[in-house]
């Protein structure tokens, strides 16, 4: 929105309402008596009264919230993509999730204090997550988020010699209690493909909500 500036000689000033911490783009516009209009380049006004504040957060698999065990650890499967949403204040301009396996960017959600990012691991083991946030004045805040236990991929292999099988089709079926039938599990809402093809080392990955399932595997020559 445009607000009228008050003249004082050849200078003009404006008083703004109290602004929360953040970066505000500003443009000045001027008119003369002939109706000509001049406009300035965009300047950035940085309001910085506090360092970034990293609040609470949650981790989810599609629509399902993931809860930690009694030790504060969340278990997920290698290859499964989960979503982390964090609440932040203090004019945060950049945020990310830091792990030993790399960095995952968080992006702000318009008109909210929520930052969201996607996390996916290919290697099993325990992963410690740290949230990092930077504001417009380059103040930085970090805090531990949680610990993830990454379970290994599933693997399709020959029964006799344990040779892994590439490009086998793995289909996951779910028992629907209402209709009392087995149906192909709908994985899209959980960010997963079903069916899916095994990778170079015969690996596949499913992470599903509680229920009754079975896996069907087909491969050429088997």
C-alpha atoms as a PDB file:
ATOM      1  CA  UNK A   1       0.000   0.000   0.000  1.00  0.00           C
ATOM      2  CA  UNK A   2       1.039   3.626  -0.518  1.00  0.00           C
ATOM      3  CA  UNK A   3       1.167   6.086   2.375  1.00  0.00           C
ATOM      4  CA  UNK A   4       1.356   9.884   2.189  1.00  0.00           C
ATOM      5  CA  UNK A   5       4.676  11.418   3.297  1.00  0.00           C
ATOM      6  CA  UNK A   6       4.807  14.732   5.155  1.00  0.00           C
ATOM      7  CA  UNK A   7       6.865  17.560   3.522  1.00  0.00           C
ATOM      8  CA  UNK A   8       9.402  19.673   5.394  1.00  0.00           C
ATOM      9  CA  UNK A   9      11.189  21.957   2.955  1.00  0.00           C
ATOM     10  CA  UNK A  10      12.761  19.746   0.319  1.00  0.00           C
ATOM     11  CA  UNK A  11      12.536  16.580   2.453  1.00  0.00           C
ATOM     12  CA  UNK A  12       9.681  14.253   3.172  1.00  0.00           C
ATOM     13  CA  UNK A  13       9.139  11.870   6.068  1.00  0.00           C
ATOM     14  CA  UNK A  14       6.721   9.172   7.104  1.00  0.00           C
ATOM     15  CA  UNK A  15       5.876   7.580  10.441  1.00  0.00           C
ATOM     16  CA  UNK A  16       5.037   3.887  10.278  1.00  0.00           C
ATOM     17  CA  UNK A  17       3.184   1.766  12.758  1.00  0.00           C
ATOM     18  CA  UNK A  18       5.282  -0.608  14.840  1.00  0.00           C
ATOM     19  CA  UNK A  19       6.702  -3.271  12.532  1.00  0.00           C
ATOM     20  CA  UNK A  20       7.659  -6.793  13.490  1.00  0.00           C
ATOM     21  CA  UNK A  21      11.200  -7.992  12.791  1.00  0.00           C
ATOM     22  CA  UNK A  22      11.659  -8.607   9.086  1.00  0.00           C
ATOM     23  CA  UNK A  23      12.786  -7.214   5.742  1.00  0.00           C
ATOM     24  CA  UNK A  24      10.464  -4.640   4.177  1.00  0.00           C
ATOM     25  CA  UNK A  25      10.913  -3.451   0.550  1.00  0.00           C
ATOM     26  CA  UNK A  26      10.258   0.307   0.223  1.00  0.00           C
ATOM     27  CA  UNK A  27       9.653   2.503  -2.823  1.00  0.00           C
ATOM     28  CA  UNK A  28       9.274   6.306  -2.852  1.00  0.00           C
ATOM     29  CA  UNK A  29       6.952   7.925  -5.408  1.00  0.00           C
ATOM     30  CA  UNK A  30       6.719  11.677  -6.153  1.00  0.00           C
ATOM     31  CA  UNK A  31       4.359  13.874  -8.189  1.00  0.00           C
ATOM     32  CA  UNK A  32       4.808  17.392  -9.572  1.00  0.00           C
ATOM     33  CA  UNK A  33       2.186  20.014 -10.416  1.00  0.00           C
ATOM     34  CA  UNK A  34       2.123  18.904 -14.071  1.00  0.00           C
ATOM     35  CA  UNK A  35       1.173  15.368 -13.071  1.00  0.00           C
ATOM     36  CA  UNK A  36       4.561  13.819 -13.798  1.00  0.00           C
ATOM     37  CA  UNK A  37       5.477  10.866 -11.582  1.00  0.00           C
ATOM     38  CA  UNK A  38       8.902   9.796 -10.404  1.00  0.00           C
ATOM     39  CA  UNK A  39       9.678   6.572  -8.589  1.00  0.00           C
ATOM     40  CA  UNK A  40      12.745   5.418  -6.683  1.00  0.00           C
ATOM     41  CA  UNK A  41      14.493   2.068  -6.819  1.00  0.00           C
ATOM     42  CA  UNK A  42      13.431  -0.456  -4.215  1.00  0.00           C
ATOM     43  CA  UNK A  43      15.243  -0.120  -0.880  1.00  0.00           C
ATOM     44  CA  UNK A  44      15.098  -2.676   1.911  1.00  0.00           C
ATOM     45  CA  UNK A  45      14.220  -1.619   5.451  1.00  0.00           C
ATOM     46  CA  UNK A  46      15.458  -4.185   7.988  1.00  0.00           C
ATOM     47  CA  UNK A  47      13.749  -4.217  11.377  1.00  0.00           C
ATOM     48  CA  UNK A  48      15.955  -6.181  13.777  1.00  0.00           C
ATOM     49  CA  UNK A  49      15.206  -6.031  17.492  1.00  0.00           C
ATOM     50  CA  UNK A  50      15.799  -9.707  18.404  1.00  0.00           C
ATOM     51  CA  UNK A  51      17.828 -12.601  16.958  1.00  0.00           C
ATOM     52  CA  UNK A  52      15.930 -15.357  15.126  1.00  0.00           C
ATOM     53  CA  UNK A  53      13.700 -17.413  17.425  1.00  0.00           C
ATOM     54  CA  UNK A  54      13.233 -21.077  16.482  1.00  0.00           C
ATOM     55  CA  UNK A  55      10.039 -22.406  18.010  1.00  0.00           C
ATOM     56  CA  UNK A  56       8.367 -25.793  17.953  1.00  0.00           C
ATOM     57  CA  UNK A  57       8.166 -28.095  14.984  1.00  0.00           C
ATOM     58  CA  UNK A  58       6.840 -31.399  13.739  1.00  0.00           C
ATOM     59  CA  UNK A  59       7.782 -34.081  11.270  1.00  0.00           C
ATOM     60  CA  UNK A  60       5.282 -35.887   9.069  1.00  0.00           C
ATOM     61  CA  UNK A  61       5.005 -38.578   6.429  1.00  0.00           C
ATOM     62  CA  UNK A  62       2.338 -37.256   4.083  1.00  0.00           C
ATOM     63  CA  UNK A  63      -0.704 -36.608   6.294  1.00  0.00           C
ATOM     64  CA  UNK A  64       0.626 -38.666   9.217  1.00  0.00           C
ATOM     65  CA  UNK A  65       2.481 -36.982  12.102  1.00  0.00           C
ATOM     66  CA  UNK A  66       5.590 -38.917  13.211  1.00  0.00           C
ATOM     67  CA  UNK A  67       6.037 -39.151  16.971  1.00  0.00           C
ATOM     68  CA  UNK A  68       9.311 -39.940  18.757  1.00  0.00           C
ATOM     69  CA  UNK A  69       9.837 -42.908  21.060  1.00  0.00           C
ATOM     70  CA  UNK A  70      10.633 -42.558  24.778  1.00  0.00           C
ATOM     71  CA  UNK A  71      14.231 -41.657  23.886  1.00  0.00           C
ATOM     72  CA  UNK A  72      13.122 -38.854  21.571  1.00  0.00           C
ATOM     73  CA  UNK A  73      14.053 -40.744  18.390  1.00  0.00           C
ATOM     74  CA  UNK A  74      11.896 -41.031  15.267  1.00  0.00           C
ATOM     75  CA  UNK A  75      12.331 -44.118  13.069  1.00  0.00           C
ATOM     76  CA  UNK A  76      11.955 -43.819   9.299  1.00  0.00           C
ATOM     77  CA  UNK A  77      12.977 -45.949   6.321  1.00  0.00           C
ATOM     78  CA  UNK A  78      15.836 -45.080   3.959  1.00  0.00           C
ATOM     79  CA  UNK A  79      14.403 -43.578   0.788  1.00  0.00           C
ATOM     80  CA  UNK A  80      11.235 -42.271   2.474  1.00  0.00           C
ATOM     81  CA  UNK A  81      10.692 -38.519   2.146  1.00  0.00           C
ATOM     82  CA  UNK A  82       9.356 -36.779   5.240  1.00  0.00           C
ATOM     83  CA  UNK A  83       8.341 -33.164   5.830  1.00  0.00           C
ATOM     84  CA  UNK A  84       9.545 -30.942   8.682  1.00  0.00           C
ATOM     85  CA  UNK A  85       7.600 -27.789   9.592  1.00  0.00           C
ATOM     86  CA  UNK A  86       9.073 -25.263  12.044  1.00  0.00           C
ATOM     87  CA  UNK A  87       7.694 -22.120  13.690  1.00  0.00           C
ATOM     88  CA  UNK A  88      10.108 -19.152  13.607  1.00  0.00           C
ATOM     89  CA  UNK A  89      10.080 -15.436  14.451  1.00  0.00           C
ATOM     90  CA  UNK A  90      12.532 -12.570  14.488  1.00  0.00           C
ATOM     91  CA  UNK A  91      12.664 -11.623  10.806  1.00  0.00           C
ATOM     92  CA  UNK A  92      14.066 -14.934   9.556  1.00  0.00           C
ATOM     93  CA  UNK A  93      15.246 -14.686   5.938  1.00  0.00           C
ATOM     94  CA  UNK A  94      16.989 -18.080   5.548  1.00  0.00           C
ATOM     95  CA  UNK A  95      16.577 -21.405   7.338  1.00  0.00           C
ATOM     96  CA  UNK A  96      17.842 -24.940   6.863  1.00  0.00           C
ATOM     97  CA  UNK A  97      18.117 -28.383   8.427  1.00  0.00           C
ATOM     98  CA  UNK A  98      21.703 -29.470   9.021  1.00  0.00           C
ATOM     99  CA  UNK A  99      22.735 -33.147   9.205  1.00  0.00           C
ATOM    100  CA  UNK A 100      25.915 -35.186   8.797  1.00  0.00           C
ATOM    101  CA  UNK A 101      24.542 -36.325   5.423  1.00  0.00           C
ATOM    102  CA  UNK A 102      23.981 -32.810   4.075  1.00  0.00           C
ATOM    103  CA  UNK A 103      21.787 -29.731   4.309  1.00  0.00           C
ATOM    104  CA  UNK A 104      18.059 -29.498   3.542  1.00  0.00           C
ATOM    105  CA  UNK A 105      16.595 -26.063   2.833  1.00  0.00           C
ATOM    106  CA  UNK A 106      13.489 -24.728   4.579  1.00  0.00           C
ATOM    107  CA  UNK A 107      11.164 -22.322   2.773  1.00  0.00           C
ATOM    108  CA  UNK A 108       8.777 -19.814   4.323  1.00  0.00           C
ATOM    109  CA  UNK A 109       5.024 -20.189   3.923  1.00  0.00           C
ATOM    110  CA  UNK A 110       3.376 -16.918   2.810  1.00  0.00           C
ATOM    111  CA  UNK A 111       1.768 -14.799   5.557  1.00  0.00           C
ATOM    112  CA  UNK A 112       2.823 -17.219   8.325  1.00  0.00           C
ATOM    113  CA  UNK A 113       5.764 -17.825  10.664  1.00  0.00           C
ATOM    114  CA  UNK A 114       6.036 -21.427   9.396  1.00  0.00           C
ATOM    115  CA  UNK A 115       9.058 -22.767   7.495  1.00  0.00           C
ATOM    116  CA  UNK A 116       8.808 -26.132   5.727  1.00  0.00           C
ATOM    117  CA  UNK A 117      11.364 -28.500   4.191  1.00  0.00           C
ATOM    118  CA  UNK A 118      11.641 -32.047   2.869  1.00  0.00           C
ATOM    119  CA  UNK A 119      14.128 -34.569   4.280  1.00  0.00           C
ATOM    120  CA  UNK A 120      15.269 -37.833   2.693  1.00  0.00           C
ATOM    121  CA  UNK A 121      18.138 -40.150   3.648  1.00  0.00           C
ATOM    122  CA  UNK A 122      19.767 -42.906   1.601  1.00  0.00           C
ATOM    123  CA  UNK A 123      22.057 -44.329   4.303  1.00  0.00           C
ATOM    124  CA  UNK A 124      20.964 -46.157   7.429  1.00  0.00           C
ATOM    125  CA  UNK A 125      22.017 -45.122  10.922  1.00  0.00           C
ATOM    126  CA  UNK A 126      21.212 -42.446  13.480  1.00  0.00           C
ATOM    127  CA  UNK A 127      21.053 -38.861  12.201  1.00  0.00           C
ATOM    128  CA  UNK A 128      21.031 -35.786  14.436  1.00  0.00           C
ATOM    129  CA  UNK A 129      19.101 -32.825  13.023  1.00  0.00           C
ATOM    130  CA  UNK A 130      19.898 -29.171  13.779  1.00  0.00           C
ATOM    131  CA  UNK A 131      17.734 -26.233  12.698  1.00  0.00           C
ATOM    132  CA  UNK A 132      19.600 -23.072  11.622  1.00  0.00           C
ATOM    133  CA  UNK A 133      18.001 -19.639  10.991  1.00  0.00           C
ATOM    134  CA  UNK A 134      19.428 -16.283   9.822  1.00  0.00           C
ATOM    135  CA  UNK A 135      17.688 -12.883   9.922  1.00  0.00           C
ATOM    136  CA  UNK A 136      18.097  -9.789   7.736  1.00  0.00           C
ATOM    137  CA  UNK A 137      20.924  -8.425   9.894  1.00  0.00           C
ATOM    138  CA  UNK A 138      22.832 -11.761   9.576  1.00  0.00           C
ATOM    139  CA  UNK A 139      22.171 -12.814  13.159  1.00  0.00           C
ATOM    140  CA  UNK A 140      22.186 -16.608  13.340  1.00  0.00           C
ATOM    141  CA  UNK A 141      20.436 -19.024  15.715  1.00  0.00           C
ATOM    142  CA  UNK A 142      20.782 -22.807  15.865  1.00  0.00           C
ATOM    143  CA  UNK A 143      19.111 -25.460  17.965  1.00  0.00           C
ATOM    144  CA  UNK A 144      18.903 -29.264  17.948  1.00  0.00           C
ATOM    145  CA  UNK A 145      15.622 -30.599  16.565  1.00  0.00           C
ATOM    146  CA  UNK A 146      15.550 -34.366  16.968  1.00  0.00           C
ATOM    147  CA  UNK A 147      17.315 -37.636  16.184  1.00  0.00           C
ATOM    148  CA  UNK A 148      16.270 -39.940  13.354  1.00  0.00           C
ATOM    149  CA  UNK A 149      16.909 -43.657  13.175  1.00  0.00           C
ATOM    150  CA  UNK A 150      17.138 -44.575   9.496  1.00  0.00           C
ATOM    151  CA  UNK A 151      16.261 -48.208   8.784  1.00  0.00           C
ATOM    152  CA  UNK A 152      17.830 -49.910   5.759  1.00  0.00           C
ATOM    153  CA  UNK A 153      16.146 -50.378   2.384  1.00  0.00           C
ATOM    154  CA  UNK A 154      14.225 -53.515   1.598  1.00  0.00           C
ATOM    155  CA  UNK A 155      16.134 -55.772  -0.820  1.00  0.00           C
ATOM    156  CA  UNK A 156      14.948 -58.245  -3.465  1.00  0.00           C
ATOM    157  CA  UNK A 157      17.409 -61.113  -3.959  1.00  0.00           C
ATOM    158  CA  UNK A 158      17.614 -64.674  -5.225  1.00  0.00           C
ATOM    159  CA  UNK A 159      16.795 -67.242  -2.591  1.00  0.00           C
ATOM    160  CA  UNK A 160      19.736 -69.565  -3.306  1.00  0.00           C
ATOM    161  CA  UNK A 161      22.773 -67.373  -4.009  1.00  0.00           C
ATOM    162  CA  UNK A 162      21.495 -64.069  -2.505  1.00  0.00           C
ATOM    163  CA  UNK A 163      22.159 -62.218  -5.770  1.00  0.00           C
ATOM    164  CA  UNK A 164      20.282 -58.900  -5.769  1.00  0.00           C
ATOM    165  CA  UNK A 165      17.732 -58.327  -8.545  1.00  0.00           C
ATOM    166  CA  UNK A 166      17.518 -54.991 -10.360  1.00  0.00           C
ATOM    167  CA  UNK A 167      14.270 -53.719 -11.964  1.00  0.00           C
ATOM    168  CA  UNK A 168      12.015 -56.141 -10.137  1.00  0.00           C
ATOM    169  CA  UNK A 169       8.515 -54.706  -9.694  1.00  0.00           C
ATOM    170  CA  UNK A 170       7.495 -54.474  -6.058  1.00  0.00           C
ATOM    171  CA  UNK A 171       3.796 -53.910  -5.303  1.00  0.00           C
ATOM    172  CA  UNK A 172       2.380 -53.262  -1.852  1.00  0.00           C
ATOM    173  CA  UNK A 173      -1.201 -54.324  -1.041  1.00  0.00           C
ATOM    174  CA  UNK A 174      -3.262 -53.102   1.893  1.00  0.00           C
ATOM    175  CA  UNK A 175      -6.178 -54.902   3.556  1.00  0.00           C
ATOM    176  CA  UNK A 176      -9.157 -52.530   3.546  1.00  0.00           C
ATOM    177  CA  UNK A 177     -11.193 -53.337   6.665  1.00  0.00           C
ATOM    178  CA  UNK A 178     -14.400 -51.674   5.425  1.00  0.00           C
ATOM    179  CA  UNK A 179     -14.764 -53.696   2.210  1.00  0.00           C
ATOM    180  CA  UNK A 180     -12.746 -56.680   3.491  1.00  0.00           C
ATOM    181  CA  UNK A 181     -10.536 -56.738   0.401  1.00  0.00           C
ATOM    182  CA  UNK A 182      -6.878 -56.422  -0.531  1.00  0.00           C
ATOM    183  CA  UNK A 183      -6.225 -53.290  -2.618  1.00  0.00           C
ATOM    184  CA  UNK A 184      -3.082 -51.692  -4.059  1.00  0.00           C
ATOM    185  CA  UNK A 185      -1.868 -49.205  -1.444  1.00  0.00           C
ATOM    186  CA  UNK A 186      -2.210 -45.578  -2.606  1.00  0.00           C
ATOM    187  CA  UNK A 187       1.248 -44.135  -1.969  1.00  0.00           C
ATOM    188  CA  UNK A 188       1.026 -40.722  -3.683  1.00  0.00           C
ATOM    189  CA  UNK A 189      -0.319 -38.892  -0.653  1.00  0.00           C
ATOM    190  CA  UNK A 190       2.679 -40.250   1.288  1.00  0.00           C
ATOM    191  CA  UNK A 191       5.174 -39.155  -1.387  1.00  0.00           C
ATOM    192  CA  UNK A 192       5.864 -42.729  -2.543  1.00  0.00           C
ATOM    193  CA  UNK A 193       5.427 -44.758  -5.713  1.00  0.00           C
ATOM    194  CA  UNK A 194       3.504 -48.025  -5.674  1.00  0.00           C
ATOM    195  CA  UNK A 195       4.363 -50.220  -7.478  1.00  0.00           C
ATOM    196  CA  UNK A 196       8.042 -49.356  -7.750  1.00  0.00           C
ATOM    197  CA  UNK A 197      11.124 -50.830  -9.438  1.00  0.00           C
ATOM    198  CA  UNK A 198      14.117 -52.061  -7.454  1.00  0.00           C
ATOM    199  CA  UNK A 199      17.332 -50.060  -7.790  1.00  0.00           C
ATOM    200  CA  UNK A 200      20.843 -51.155  -8.798  1.00  0.00           C
ATOM    201  CA  UNK A 201      21.362 -53.240  -5.637  1.00  0.00           C
ATOM    202  CA  UNK A 202      17.831 -54.645  -5.587  1.00  0.00           C
ATOM    203  CA  UNK A 203      16.631 -52.045  -3.084  1.00  0.00           C
ATOM    204  CA  UNK A 204      13.123 -50.696  -2.593  1.00  0.00           C
ATOM    205  CA  UNK A 205      11.497 -48.582   0.106  1.00  0.00           C
ATOM    206  CA  UNK A 206       8.015 -48.326   1.601  1.00  0.00           C
ATOM    207  CA  UNK A 207       6.996 -46.487   4.758  1.00  0.00           C
ATOM    208  CA  UNK A 208       3.321 -46.906   5.546  1.00  0.00           C
ATOM    209  CA  UNK A 209       0.757 -46.255   8.296  1.00  0.00           C
ATOM    210  CA  UNK A 210      -0.327 -49.037  10.658  1.00  0.00           C
ATOM    211  CA  UNK A 211      -2.334 -51.795   9.002  1.00  0.00           C
ATOM    212  CA  UNK A 212      -2.144 -55.205   7.341  1.00  0.00           C
ATOM    213  CA  UNK A 213      -0.084 -55.461   4.145  1.00  0.00           C
ATOM    214  CA  UNK A 214       1.611 -57.904   1.813  1.00  0.00           C
ATOM    215  CA  UNK A 215       4.317 -57.401  -0.806  1.00  0.00           C
ATOM    216  CA  UNK A 216       4.204 -58.897  -4.300  1.00  0.00           C
ATOM    217  CA  UNK A 217       7.418 -59.070  -6.348  1.00  0.00           C
ATOM    218  CA  UNK A 218       7.728 -59.809 -10.069  1.00  0.00           C
ATOM    219  CA  UNK A 219      10.898 -59.926 -12.135  1.00  0.00           C
ATOM    220  CA  UNK A 220      11.785 -61.276 -15.620  1.00  0.00           C
ATOM    221  CA  UNK A 221      12.777 -64.949 -15.395  1.00  0.00           C
ATOM    222  CA  UNK A 222      11.299 -65.467 -11.925  1.00  0.00           C
END
